[in-house]
Amino acid sequence: MPERLTTAQRSANMAKIRSTNTKPEMAVRRMLHGAGFRYRLHDQRLPGKPDLVFPSRKKVVFVHGCFWHRHSCPAGQKVPSTNREFWQKKLSLNHERDTRQLDGLAQLGWIGFVVWECELKDPDEVLRALKRFLNSADGDA
C-alpha cells in the first residue's frame, strides 16, 4: 500500500505526539490525587524523568503507551506496515531505554512502577495496584 502522507505531513503528525501530560498520564494523576496521594511531576534529576515522583517514598510511576513502549498487549505488538525496519529499531530502542532507566532508578534506591495505557480500561484495578505499590514498604504491587 502506498504511503498516504507526504514526509512533511508525517513529520507534522509525529510532532503532535506529546511525551508529557498525555491523556493516560492525566487519568493516572487524577485518580491518585483523588485518592489523596501527592507527587511531583517529571523530575529531571531522575533517570527517565518519571511521570509521577513520590520523593518521601522513593517511588516513581511511569505511564507508558503500549505502542511506543512495546507492551505485550496487541497494541504494543503492532508495527507500522511502511518503513518497518525503522519502526522495529525505534520501538526496540525505546524498550531498551525503559529497562535501563528502571535499572538506573533501582541503583539510586528508587522503586519504579509502570502503568500501561491498556490497563486504564479498568481504572479501579489500576488504582488498587497503585495503592498497593505506594503503601508497601518494598514496592510490591
N, C-alpha and C. Protein backbone atom coordinates (compact mmCIF):
# COMPACT_ATOMS: atom_id res chain seq x y z
N MET A 1 0.85 -1.17 0.00
CA MET A 1 0.00 0.00 0.00
C MET A 1 0.89 1.24 0.00
N PRO A 2 0.62 2.18 -0.90
CA PRO A 2 1.45 3.39 -0.96
C PRO A 2 1.22 4.28 0.26
N GLU A 3 2.23 5.03 0.58
CA GLU A 3 2.16 5.97 1.70
C GLU A 3 1.15 7.05 1.38
N ARG A 4 0.22 7.30 2.32
CA ARG A 4 -0.84 8.28 2.08
C ARG A 4 -0.43 9.70 2.47
N LEU A 5 0.59 9.84 3.29
CA LEU A 5 1.00 11.16 3.75
C LEU A 5 2.36 11.52 3.16
N THR A 6 2.54 12.79 2.93
CA THR A 6 3.85 13.25 2.49
C THR A 6 4.79 13.25 3.70
N THR A 7 6.05 13.40 3.45
CA THR A 7 7.03 13.45 4.53
C THR A 7 6.72 14.60 5.48
N ALA A 8 6.34 15.74 4.93
CA ALA A 8 6.02 16.91 5.77
C ALA A 8 4.78 16.65 6.62
N GLN A 9 3.76 16.01 6.04
CA GLN A 9 2.55 15.69 6.80
C GLN A 9 2.85 14.70 7.91
N ARG A 10 3.65 13.68 7.59
CA ARG A 10 4.02 12.68 8.61
C ARG A 10 4.80 13.35 9.73
N SER A 11 5.72 14.23 9.38
CA SER A 11 6.51 14.93 10.39
C SER A 11 5.62 15.78 11.28
N ALA A 12 4.65 16.46 10.68
CA ALA A 12 3.72 17.29 11.47
C ALA A 12 2.90 16.43 12.42
N ASN A 13 2.45 15.27 11.96
CA ASN A 13 1.70 14.35 12.83
C ASN A 13 2.55 13.88 14.00
N MET A 14 3.78 13.50 13.72
CA MET A 14 4.66 12.98 14.76
C MET A 14 5.00 14.08 15.78
N ALA A 15 5.10 15.31 15.32
CA ALA A 15 5.43 16.42 16.21
C ALA A 15 4.31 16.69 17.22
N LYS A 16 3.10 16.28 16.89
CA LYS A 16 1.96 16.50 17.78
C LYS A 16 1.89 15.49 18.93
N ILE A 17 2.67 14.43 18.84
CA ILE A 17 2.63 13.40 19.87
C ILE A 17 3.44 13.89 21.07
N ARG A 18 2.75 14.01 22.20
CA ARG A 18 3.39 14.56 23.40
C ARG A 18 4.08 13.46 24.20
N SER A 19 5.06 13.88 24.97
CA SER A 19 5.72 12.93 25.87
C SER A 19 5.28 13.14 27.31
N THR A 20 4.70 14.29 27.62
CA THR A 20 4.20 14.56 28.97
C THR A 20 2.76 15.05 28.88
N ASN A 21 2.06 14.91 29.99
CA ASN A 21 0.67 15.36 30.08
C ASN A 21 -0.23 14.69 29.04
N THR A 22 0.02 13.42 28.77
CA THR A 22 -0.81 12.66 27.84
C THR A 22 -2.13 12.31 28.52
N LYS A 23 -3.11 11.89 27.76
CA LYS A 23 -4.40 11.52 28.34
C LYS A 23 -4.25 10.39 29.36
N PRO A 24 -3.50 9.32 29.06
CA PRO A 24 -3.33 8.27 30.07
C PRO A 24 -2.64 8.79 31.34
N GLU A 25 -1.62 9.63 31.17
CA GLU A 25 -0.92 10.18 32.33
C GLU A 25 -1.86 11.04 33.17
N MET A 26 -2.65 11.86 32.51
CA MET A 26 -3.58 12.72 33.24
C MET A 26 -4.62 11.89 34.00
N ALA A 27 -5.05 10.78 33.41
CA ALA A 27 -6.02 9.90 34.09
C ALA A 27 -5.42 9.33 35.37
N VAL A 28 -4.16 8.90 35.29
CA VAL A 28 -3.49 8.35 36.48
C VAL A 28 -3.30 9.44 37.52
N ARG A 29 -2.90 10.61 37.09
CA ARG A 29 -2.72 11.72 38.03
C ARG A 29 -4.01 12.06 38.75
N ARG A 30 -5.11 12.12 38.00
CA ARG A 30 -6.41 12.44 38.62
C ARG A 30 -6.81 11.37 39.64
N MET A 31 -6.63 10.09 39.28
CA MET A 31 -7.06 9.04 40.21
C MET A 31 -6.21 9.04 41.47
N LEU A 32 -4.90 9.27 41.36
CA LEU A 32 -4.05 9.28 42.55
C LEU A 32 -4.31 10.52 43.40
N HIS A 33 -4.49 11.65 42.77
CA HIS A 33 -4.78 12.87 43.53
C HIS A 33 -6.11 12.71 44.27
N GLY A 34 -7.09 12.15 43.59
CA GLY A 34 -8.39 11.91 44.21
C GLY A 34 -8.32 10.94 45.38
N ALA A 35 -7.33 10.06 45.35
CA ALA A 35 -7.14 9.09 46.43
C ALA A 35 -6.28 9.67 47.55
N GLY A 36 -5.86 10.93 47.41
CA GLY A 36 -5.12 11.59 48.48
C GLY A 36 -3.61 11.55 48.35
N PHE A 37 -3.08 11.03 47.26
CA PHE A 37 -1.63 10.97 47.07
C PHE A 37 -1.15 12.28 46.44
N ARG A 38 -0.01 12.75 46.90
CA ARG A 38 0.60 13.95 46.34
C ARG A 38 1.95 13.54 45.75
N TYR A 39 2.33 14.19 44.69
CA TYR A 39 3.50 13.77 43.92
C TYR A 39 4.13 14.96 43.22
N ARG A 40 5.30 14.74 42.71
CA ARG A 40 5.98 15.70 41.85
C ARG A 40 5.91 15.15 40.42
N LEU A 41 6.08 16.03 39.46
CA LEU A 41 5.98 15.63 38.06
C LEU A 41 7.33 15.72 37.36
N HIS A 42 7.66 14.71 36.58
CA HIS A 42 8.75 14.73 35.61
C HIS A 42 10.07 15.26 36.17
N ASP A 43 10.54 14.68 37.25
CA ASP A 43 11.78 15.12 37.89
C ASP A 43 12.96 14.81 36.98
N GLN A 44 13.56 15.86 36.46
CA GLN A 44 14.67 15.69 35.50
C GLN A 44 15.93 15.16 36.14
N ARG A 45 16.00 15.17 37.45
CA ARG A 45 17.20 14.66 38.13
C ARG A 45 17.22 13.14 38.18
N LEU A 46 16.09 12.50 37.90
CA LEU A 46 15.99 11.04 37.95
C LEU A 46 16.04 10.45 36.54
N PRO A 47 16.62 9.26 36.41
CA PRO A 47 16.66 8.61 35.10
C PRO A 47 15.27 8.46 34.50
N GLY A 48 15.11 8.90 33.28
CA GLY A 48 13.85 8.74 32.57
C GLY A 48 12.80 9.79 32.85
N LYS A 49 13.09 10.79 33.67
CA LYS A 49 12.12 11.81 34.05
C LYS A 49 10.75 11.16 34.33
N PRO A 50 10.64 10.40 35.40
CA PRO A 50 9.39 9.68 35.67
C PRO A 50 8.18 10.61 35.66
N ASP A 51 7.05 10.05 35.23
CA ASP A 51 5.82 10.85 35.13
C ASP A 51 5.37 11.34 36.50
N LEU A 52 5.39 10.48 37.49
CA LEU A 52 5.00 10.86 38.85
C LEU A 52 6.10 10.41 39.81
N VAL A 53 6.49 11.31 40.69
CA VAL A 53 7.57 11.04 41.64
C VAL A 53 7.03 11.25 43.06
N PHE A 54 7.28 10.26 43.91
CA PHE A 54 6.87 10.31 45.31
C PHE A 54 8.15 10.32 46.15
N PRO A 55 8.75 11.50 46.36
CA PRO A 55 10.07 11.59 46.98
C PRO A 55 10.15 10.96 48.37
N SER A 56 9.16 11.17 49.21
CA SER A 56 9.25 10.64 50.57
C SER A 56 9.22 9.11 50.59
N ARG A 57 8.65 8.51 49.56
CA ARG A 57 8.57 7.05 49.48
C ARG A 57 9.69 6.47 48.62
N LYS A 58 10.41 7.34 47.90
CA LYS A 58 11.44 6.93 46.93
C LYS A 58 10.84 5.97 45.90
N LYS A 59 9.67 6.37 45.39
CA LYS A 59 8.99 5.58 44.38
C LYS A 59 8.59 6.48 43.22
N VAL A 60 8.53 5.89 42.03
CA VAL A 60 8.13 6.61 40.84
C VAL A 60 7.13 5.78 40.04
N VAL A 61 6.33 6.48 39.25
CA VAL A 61 5.37 5.81 38.37
C VAL A 61 5.58 6.35 36.96
N PHE A 62 5.69 5.41 36.03
CA PHE A 62 5.73 5.74 34.61
C PHE A 62 4.38 5.35 34.01
N VAL A 63 3.83 6.18 33.15
CA VAL A 63 2.62 5.84 32.42
C VAL A 63 3.04 5.68 30.96
N HIS A 64 3.03 4.43 30.49
CA HIS A 64 3.54 4.12 29.16
C HIS A 64 2.42 3.83 28.17
N GLY A 65 2.58 4.37 26.98
CA GLY A 65 1.71 4.00 25.86
C GLY A 65 2.15 2.64 25.36
N CYS A 66 1.19 1.77 25.12
CA CYS A 66 1.51 0.39 24.73
C CYS A 66 2.31 0.32 23.43
N PHE A 67 1.93 1.11 22.43
CA PHE A 67 2.64 1.08 21.15
C PHE A 67 4.08 1.56 21.31
N TRP A 68 4.27 2.71 21.92
CA TRP A 68 5.60 3.33 21.98
C TRP A 68 6.57 2.59 22.87
N HIS A 69 6.07 1.85 23.85
CA HIS A 69 6.96 1.20 24.81
C HIS A 69 6.93 -0.32 24.74
N ARG A 70 6.30 -0.85 23.70
CA ARG A 70 6.34 -2.29 23.38
C ARG A 70 5.72 -3.18 24.46
N HIS A 71 4.51 -2.86 24.87
CA HIS A 71 3.80 -3.71 25.83
C HIS A 71 3.45 -5.03 25.15
N SER A 72 3.15 -6.04 25.96
CA SER A 72 2.83 -7.36 25.42
C SER A 72 1.40 -7.47 24.90
N CYS A 73 0.60 -6.42 25.03
CA CYS A 73 -0.78 -6.45 24.55
C CYS A 73 -0.78 -6.30 23.02
N PRO A 74 -1.93 -6.53 22.37
CA PRO A 74 -1.97 -6.40 20.90
C PRO A 74 -1.51 -5.04 20.37
N ALA A 75 -1.88 -3.95 21.05
CA ALA A 75 -1.46 -2.62 20.59
C ALA A 75 0.05 -2.46 20.65
N GLY A 76 0.68 -3.09 21.61
CA GLY A 76 2.12 -2.98 21.76
C GLY A 76 2.91 -3.84 20.80
N GLN A 77 2.25 -4.77 20.15
CA GLN A 77 2.94 -5.67 19.23
C GLN A 77 2.80 -5.25 17.77
N LYS A 78 2.02 -4.21 17.53
CA LYS A 78 1.85 -3.72 16.16
C LYS A 78 3.10 -2.98 15.70
N VAL A 79 3.41 -3.18 14.43
CA VAL A 79 4.49 -2.43 13.80
C VAL A 79 3.90 -1.84 12.52
N PRO A 80 4.07 -0.55 12.29
CA PRO A 80 3.52 0.04 11.07
C PRO A 80 3.98 -0.72 9.83
N SER A 81 3.11 -0.79 8.84
CA SER A 81 3.40 -1.57 7.65
C SER A 81 4.41 -0.89 6.73
N THR A 82 4.52 0.43 6.82
CA THR A 82 5.51 1.12 6.00
C THR A 82 6.74 1.42 6.86
N ASN A 83 7.90 1.35 6.23
CA ASN A 83 9.16 1.65 6.91
C ASN A 83 9.34 0.77 8.15
N ARG A 84 9.03 -0.51 8.01
CA ARG A 84 9.04 -1.46 9.13
C ARG A 84 10.39 -1.51 9.84
N GLU A 85 11.47 -1.52 9.09
CA GLU A 85 12.79 -1.63 9.70
C GLU A 85 13.06 -0.46 10.66
N PHE A 86 12.73 0.76 10.22
CA PHE A 86 12.89 1.94 11.06
C PHE A 86 12.09 1.79 12.35
N TRP A 87 10.80 1.40 12.23
CA TRP A 87 9.93 1.32 13.39
C TRP A 87 10.36 0.21 14.34
N GLN A 88 10.75 -0.91 13.81
CA GLN A 88 11.20 -2.00 14.68
C GLN A 88 12.41 -1.57 15.49
N LYS A 89 13.34 -0.89 14.83
CA LYS A 89 14.54 -0.42 15.52
C LYS A 89 14.18 0.63 16.57
N LYS A 90 13.35 1.61 16.18
CA LYS A 90 12.98 2.69 17.10
C LYS A 90 12.27 2.14 18.33
N LEU A 91 11.28 1.29 18.13
CA LEU A 91 10.50 0.78 19.25
C LEU A 91 11.32 -0.15 20.13
N SER A 92 12.23 -0.89 19.52
CA SER A 92 13.12 -1.75 20.30
C SER A 92 14.06 -0.91 21.17
N LEU A 93 14.58 0.18 20.61
CA LEU A 93 15.45 1.07 21.39
C LEU A 93 14.67 1.74 22.52
N ASN A 94 13.41 2.09 22.28
CA ASN A 94 12.57 2.65 23.36
C ASN A 94 12.47 1.66 24.51
N HIS A 95 12.21 0.41 24.17
CA HIS A 95 12.05 -0.63 25.19
C HIS A 95 13.34 -0.82 25.98
N GLU A 96 14.47 -0.84 25.28
CA GLU A 96 15.77 -0.99 25.95
C GLU A 96 16.05 0.21 26.86
N ARG A 97 15.73 1.40 26.41
CA ARG A 97 15.92 2.61 27.22
C ARG A 97 15.08 2.54 28.49
N ASP A 98 13.84 2.09 28.37
CA ASP A 98 12.97 1.96 29.55
C ASP A 98 13.60 1.03 30.58
N THR A 99 14.15 -0.08 30.12
CA THR A 99 14.79 -1.04 31.02
C THR A 99 15.99 -0.41 31.72
N ARG A 100 16.81 0.32 30.96
CA ARG A 100 17.98 1.00 31.55
C ARG A 100 17.55 2.03 32.59
N GLN A 101 16.48 2.75 32.30
CA GLN A 101 16.02 3.79 33.23
C GLN A 101 15.53 3.17 34.54
N LEU A 102 14.78 2.08 34.47
CA LEU A 102 14.33 1.41 35.70
C LEU A 102 15.51 0.87 36.48
N ASP A 103 16.50 0.32 35.77
CA ASP A 103 17.71 -0.17 36.44
C ASP A 103 18.47 0.99 37.11
N GLY A 104 18.56 2.12 36.41
CA GLY A 104 19.24 3.29 36.97
C GLY A 104 18.54 3.80 38.22
N LEU A 105 17.23 3.81 38.20
CA LEU A 105 16.47 4.22 39.38
C LEU A 105 16.73 3.27 40.55
N ALA A 106 16.73 1.98 40.26
CA ALA A 106 16.98 0.98 41.32
C ALA A 106 18.36 1.17 41.93
N GLN A 107 19.35 1.49 41.12
CA GLN A 107 20.71 1.72 41.63
C GLN A 107 20.76 2.93 42.54
N LEU A 108 19.86 3.88 42.33
CA LEU A 108 19.79 5.07 43.18
C LEU A 108 18.89 4.86 44.39
N GLY A 109 18.32 3.66 44.52
CA GLY A 109 17.47 3.35 45.66
C GLY A 109 16.00 3.67 45.46
N TRP A 110 15.60 3.92 44.23
CA TRP A 110 14.21 4.22 43.91
C TRP A 110 13.53 2.96 43.38
N ILE A 111 12.22 2.89 43.57
CA ILE A 111 11.44 1.76 43.06
C ILE A 111 10.47 2.31 42.02
N GLY A 112 10.45 1.66 40.85
CA GLY A 112 9.60 2.12 39.77
C GLY A 112 8.42 1.21 39.53
N PHE A 113 7.36 1.78 39.00
CA PHE A 113 6.14 1.05 38.67
C PHE A 113 5.65 1.59 37.33
N VAL A 114 5.22 0.68 36.45
CA VAL A 114 4.74 1.09 35.12
C VAL A 114 3.25 0.81 35.02
N VAL A 115 2.52 1.84 34.63
CA VAL A 115 1.10 1.69 34.29
C VAL A 115 1.03 1.73 32.77
N TRP A 116 0.42 0.69 32.19
CA TRP A 116 0.28 0.61 30.75
C TRP A 116 -1.05 1.22 30.32
N GLU A 117 -1.02 1.87 29.19
CA GLU A 117 -2.21 2.54 28.66
C GLU A 117 -3.41 1.60 28.60
N CYS A 118 -3.22 0.36 28.16
CA CYS A 118 -4.34 -0.57 28.03
C CYS A 118 -4.93 -0.94 29.39
N GLU A 119 -4.15 -0.87 30.45
CA GLU A 119 -4.64 -1.21 31.78
C GLU A 119 -5.66 -0.19 32.28
N LEU A 120 -5.64 1.00 31.70
CA LEU A 120 -6.55 2.05 32.14
C LEU A 120 -8.00 1.79 31.73
N LYS A 121 -8.23 0.71 30.98
CA LYS A 121 -9.60 0.31 30.68
C LYS A 121 -10.32 -0.13 31.96
N ASP A 122 -9.53 -0.52 32.96
CA ASP A 122 -10.09 -0.91 34.27
C ASP A 122 -9.45 0.00 35.33
N PRO A 123 -9.92 1.25 35.44
CA PRO A 123 -9.28 2.21 36.34
C PRO A 123 -9.31 1.79 37.81
N ASP A 124 -10.35 1.07 38.22
CA ASP A 124 -10.42 0.62 39.62
C ASP A 124 -9.26 -0.32 39.94
N GLU A 125 -8.96 -1.23 39.01
CA GLU A 125 -7.85 -2.17 39.23
C GLU A 125 -6.51 -1.43 39.23
N VAL A 126 -6.37 -0.46 38.34
CA VAL A 126 -5.13 0.33 38.29
C VAL A 126 -4.94 1.06 39.62
N LEU A 127 -5.99 1.67 40.12
CA LEU A 127 -5.90 2.39 41.39
C LEU A 127 -5.54 1.45 42.53
N ARG A 128 -6.15 0.26 42.56
CA ARG A 128 -5.81 -0.72 43.60
C ARG A 128 -4.33 -1.10 43.53
N ALA A 129 -3.83 -1.35 42.31
CA ALA A 129 -2.43 -1.71 42.14
C ALA A 129 -1.50 -0.58 42.57
N LEU A 130 -1.86 0.65 42.21
CA LEU A 130 -1.04 1.79 42.59
C LEU A 130 -1.04 1.99 44.11
N LYS A 131 -2.18 1.81 44.74
CA LYS A 131 -2.24 1.94 46.21
C LYS A 131 -1.37 0.88 46.87
N ARG A 132 -1.45 -0.35 46.37
CA ARG A 132 -0.59 -1.42 46.93
C ARG A 132 0.88 -1.05 46.77
N PHE A 133 1.23 -0.58 45.59
CA PHE A 133 2.61 -0.20 45.31
C PHE A 133 3.07 0.93 46.23
N LEU A 134 2.28 1.98 46.32
CA LEU A 134 2.69 3.15 47.08
C LEU A 134 2.66 2.93 48.59
N ASN A 135 1.80 2.08 49.06
CA ASN A 135 1.69 1.84 50.50
C ASN A 135 2.57 0.71 51.01
N SER A 136 3.15 -0.07 50.11
CA SER A 136 4.02 -1.17 50.54
C SER A 136 5.42 -0.66 50.85
N ALA A 137 6.07 -1.36 51.75
CA ALA A 137 7.42 -0.95 52.15
C ALA A 137 8.43 -1.26 51.06
N ASP A 138 8.21 -2.33 50.29
CA ASP A 138 9.20 -2.74 49.31
C ASP A 138 8.77 -2.51 47.85
N GLY A 139 7.60 -1.92 47.65
CA GLY A 139 7.18 -1.59 46.30
C GLY A 139 6.41 -2.68 45.59
N ASP A 140 6.09 -3.79 46.29
CA ASP A 140 5.29 -4.84 45.65
C ASP A 140 3.91 -4.32 45.34
N ALA A 141 3.46 -4.60 44.12
CA ALA A 141 2.11 -4.14 43.76
C ALA A 141 1.15 -5.27 43.73
